[in-house]
Amino acid sequence: MSIMYHQNGDYLLPDMGLNETGKTPLNKYGRMRLRYLQEHRPGLYTRLILSGKLYEDLLETQKTAQDRVVIITDKMAKAQNISEAMKTQDQMAWIGKITTS
């Protein structure tokens, strides 16, 4: 493994580039994790950037949070007796119940 350098004035600097991010865009939870790392965990944020694993960490957090939202929403809907059949019969009542649960 060799490291490539480029000359910048009197100094030789290593050619370091960030890995390209994946095609999956960050949603609310990925961006919240990014902001949290930047503001409250700068050491971890820097380590993740330098290792090239920041985007991977953000996607993992995003997927975990989204899965939890689906699970919690389903449990709340079952507790309120909200079903897909109710959505097809009376959409306004379904919206009222699903947004208040």
C-alpha atoms as a PDB file:
ATOM      1  CA  MET A   1       0.000   0.000   0.000  1.00  0.00           C
ATOM      2  CA  SER A   2       1.530   3.304  -1.029  1.00  0.00           C
ATOM      3  CA  ILE A   3       0.432   6.822  -0.238  1.00  0.00           C
ATOM      4  CA  MET A   4       0.394   9.452  -2.953  1.00  0.00           C
ATOM      5  CA  TYR A   5       1.413  13.024  -2.106  1.00  0.00           C
ATOM      6  CA  HIS A   6       1.045  16.376  -3.823  1.00  0.00           C
ATOM      7  CA  GLN A   7       3.133  19.503  -3.350  1.00  0.00           C
ATOM      8  CA  ASN A   8       1.433  22.504  -1.742  1.00  0.00           C
ATOM      9  CA  GLY A   9       3.986  25.292  -1.435  1.00  0.00           C
ATOM     10  CA  ASP A  10       6.905  23.872   0.536  1.00  0.00           C
ATOM     11  CA  TYR A  11       4.909  20.945   1.914  1.00  0.00           C
ATOM     12  CA  LEU A  12       4.034  17.486   0.653  1.00  0.00           C
ATOM     13  CA  LEU A  13       0.455  16.658   1.607  1.00  0.00           C
ATOM     14  CA  PRO A  14      -1.113  13.204   1.303  1.00  0.00           C
ATOM     15  CA  ASP A  15      -3.779  12.784  -1.354  1.00  0.00           C
ATOM     16  CA  MET A  16      -6.733  11.954   0.821  1.00  0.00           C
ATOM     17  CA  GLY A  17     -10.235  12.004  -0.520  1.00  0.00           C
ATOM     18  CA  LEU A  18     -13.586  11.198   0.947  1.00  0.00           C
ATOM     19  CA  ASN A  19     -15.364   8.123  -0.296  1.00  0.00           C
ATOM     20  CA  GLU A  20     -18.363   8.787  -2.439  1.00  0.00           C
ATOM     21  CA  THR A  21     -21.577   8.565  -0.514  1.00  0.00           C
ATOM     22  CA  GLY A  22     -24.111   5.975  -1.515  1.00  0.00           C
ATOM     23  CA  LYS A  23     -27.157   6.625  -3.569  1.00  0.00           C
ATOM     24  CA  THR A  24     -29.481   6.438  -0.588  1.00  0.00           C
ATOM     25  CA  PRO A  25     -30.250   9.975   0.578  1.00  0.00           C
ATOM     26  CA  LEU A  26     -30.329  10.752   4.277  1.00  0.00           C
ATOM     27  CA  ASN A  27     -33.767  11.250   5.768  1.00  0.00           C
ATOM     28  CA  LYS A  28     -34.761  13.073   8.944  1.00  0.00           C
ATOM     29  CA  TYR A  29     -33.130  10.546  11.275  1.00  0.00           C
ATOM     30  CA  GLY A  30     -29.842  10.374   9.379  1.00  0.00           C
ATOM     31  CA  ARG A  31     -29.563  14.158   9.380  1.00  0.00           C
ATOM     32  CA  MET A  32     -30.455  14.292  13.084  1.00  0.00           C
ATOM     33  CA  ARG A  33     -27.638  11.804  13.841  1.00  0.00           C
ATOM     34  CA  LEU A  34     -25.213  13.867  11.757  1.00  0.00           C
ATOM     35  CA  ARG A  35     -26.112  17.067  13.607  1.00  0.00           C
ATOM     36  CA  TYR A  36     -25.833  15.282  16.972  1.00  0.00           C
ATOM     37  CA  LEU A  37     -22.367  13.972  16.139  1.00  0.00           C
ATOM     38  CA  GLN A  38     -21.186  17.378  14.941  1.00  0.00           C
ATOM     39  CA  GLU A  39     -22.492  19.268  17.974  1.00  0.00           C
ATOM     40  CA  HIS A  40     -22.081  16.816  20.857  1.00  0.00           C
ATOM     41  CA  ARG A  41     -19.557  14.145  19.803  1.00  0.00           C
ATOM     42  CA  PRO A  42     -16.913  15.910  17.684  1.00  0.00           C
ATOM     43  CA  GLY A  43     -14.275  13.255  18.419  1.00  0.00           C
ATOM     44  CA  LEU A  44     -16.461  10.411  17.201  1.00  0.00           C
ATOM     45  CA  TYR A  45     -17.577  12.513  14.232  1.00  0.00           C
ATOM     46  CA  THR A  46     -13.941  13.117  13.226  1.00  0.00           C
ATOM     47  CA  ARG A  47     -13.044   9.448  13.680  1.00  0.00           C
ATOM     48  CA  LEU A  48     -15.957   8.355  11.495  1.00  0.00           C
ATOM     49  CA  ILE A  49     -15.012  10.820   8.773  1.00  0.00           C
ATOM     50  CA  LEU A  50     -11.356   9.793   8.768  1.00  0.00           C
ATOM     51  CA  SER A  51     -12.202   6.090   8.680  1.00  0.00           C
ATOM     52  CA  GLY A  52     -14.717   6.630   5.864  1.00  0.00           C
ATOM     53  CA  LYS A  53     -17.551   5.129   7.902  1.00  0.00           C
ATOM     54  CA  LEU A  54     -19.631   8.234   8.645  1.00  0.00           C
ATOM     55  CA  TYR A  55     -22.180   7.634   5.892  1.00  0.00           C
ATOM     56  CA  GLU A  56     -22.458   3.956   6.874  1.00  0.00           C
ATOM     57  CA  ASP A  57     -23.155   4.956  10.503  1.00  0.00           C
ATOM     58  CA  LEU A  58     -25.768   7.508   9.431  1.00  0.00           C
ATOM     59  CA  LEU A  59     -27.552   4.980   7.220  1.00  0.00           C
ATOM     60  CA  GLU A  60     -27.577   2.390  10.012  1.00  0.00           C
ATOM     61  CA  THR A  61     -29.089   4.903  12.435  1.00  0.00           C
ATOM     62  CA  GLN A  62     -31.608   5.979   9.795  1.00  0.00           C
ATOM     63  CA  LYS A  63     -32.724   2.403   9.088  1.00  0.00           C
ATOM     64  CA  THR A  64     -33.001   1.525  12.779  1.00  0.00           C
ATOM     65  CA  ALA A  65     -35.051   4.634  13.564  1.00  0.00           C
ATOM     66  CA  GLN A  66     -37.348   4.117  10.576  1.00  0.00           C
ATOM     67  CA  ASP A  67     -37.947   0.484  11.564  1.00  0.00           C
ATOM     68  CA  ARG A  68     -38.814   1.587  15.106  1.00  0.00           C
ATOM     69  CA  VAL A  69     -41.291   4.172  13.800  1.00  0.00           C
ATOM     70  CA  VAL A  70     -43.072   1.500  11.747  1.00  0.00           C
ATOM     71  CA  ILE A  71     -43.241  -0.883  14.724  1.00  0.00           C
ATOM     72  CA  ILE A  72     -44.525   1.798  17.115  1.00  0.00           C
ATOM     73  CA  THR A  73     -47.086   3.098  14.601  1.00  0.00           C
ATOM     74  CA  ASP A  74     -48.415  -0.422  14.006  1.00  0.00           C
ATOM     75  CA  LYS A  75     -48.720  -1.104  17.739  1.00  0.00           C
ATOM     76  CA  MET A  76     -50.513   2.209  18.321  1.00  0.00           C
ATOM     77  CA  ALA A  77     -52.892   1.537  15.412  1.00  0.00           C
ATOM     78  CA  LYS A  78     -53.757  -1.899  16.803  1.00  0.00           C
ATOM     79  CA  ALA A  79     -54.353  -0.452  20.260  1.00  0.00           C
ATOM     80  CA  GLN A  80     -56.763   2.136  18.778  1.00  0.00           C
ATOM     81  CA  ASN A  81     -58.471  -0.457  16.522  1.00  0.00           C
ATOM     82  CA  ILE A  82     -57.385   1.396  13.398  1.00  0.00           C
ATOM     83  CA  SER A  83     -57.282  -0.764  10.261  1.00  0.00           C
ATOM     84  CA  GLU A  84     -56.777  -0.422   6.535  1.00  0.00           C
ATOM     85  CA  ALA A  85     -60.452  -1.279   6.063  1.00  0.00           C
ATOM     86  CA  MET A  86     -61.322   1.814   8.077  1.00  0.00           C
ATOM     87  CA  LYS A  87     -59.174   3.859   5.707  1.00  0.00           C
ATOM     88  CA  THR A  88     -61.162   2.722   2.685  1.00  0.00           C
ATOM     89  CA  GLN A  89     -64.538   3.257   4.393  1.00  0.00           C
ATOM     90  CA  ASP A  90     -64.067   6.643   6.061  1.00  0.00           C
ATOM     91  CA  GLN A  91     -60.782   8.378   5.252  1.00  0.00           C
ATOM     92  CA  MET A  92     -61.389  11.453   7.405  1.00  0.00           C
ATOM     93  CA  ALA A  93     -62.119   9.372  10.514  1.00  0.00           C
ATOM     94  CA  TRP A  94     -59.023   7.272   9.805  1.00  0.00           C
ATOM     95  CA  ILE A  95     -56.850  10.394   9.476  1.00  0.00           C
ATOM     96  CA  GLY A  96     -58.279  11.803  12.687  1.00  0.00           C
ATOM     97  CA  LYS A  97     -57.518   8.645  14.628  1.00  0.00           C
ATOM     98  CA  ILE A  98     -54.094   7.942  13.139  1.00  0.00           C
ATOM     99  CA  THR A  99     -52.814  11.497  13.725  1.00  0.00           C
ATOM    100  CA  THR A 100     -54.028  11.674  17.321  1.00  0.00           C
ATOM    101  CA  SER A 101     -52.719   8.258  18.347  1.00  0.00           C
END
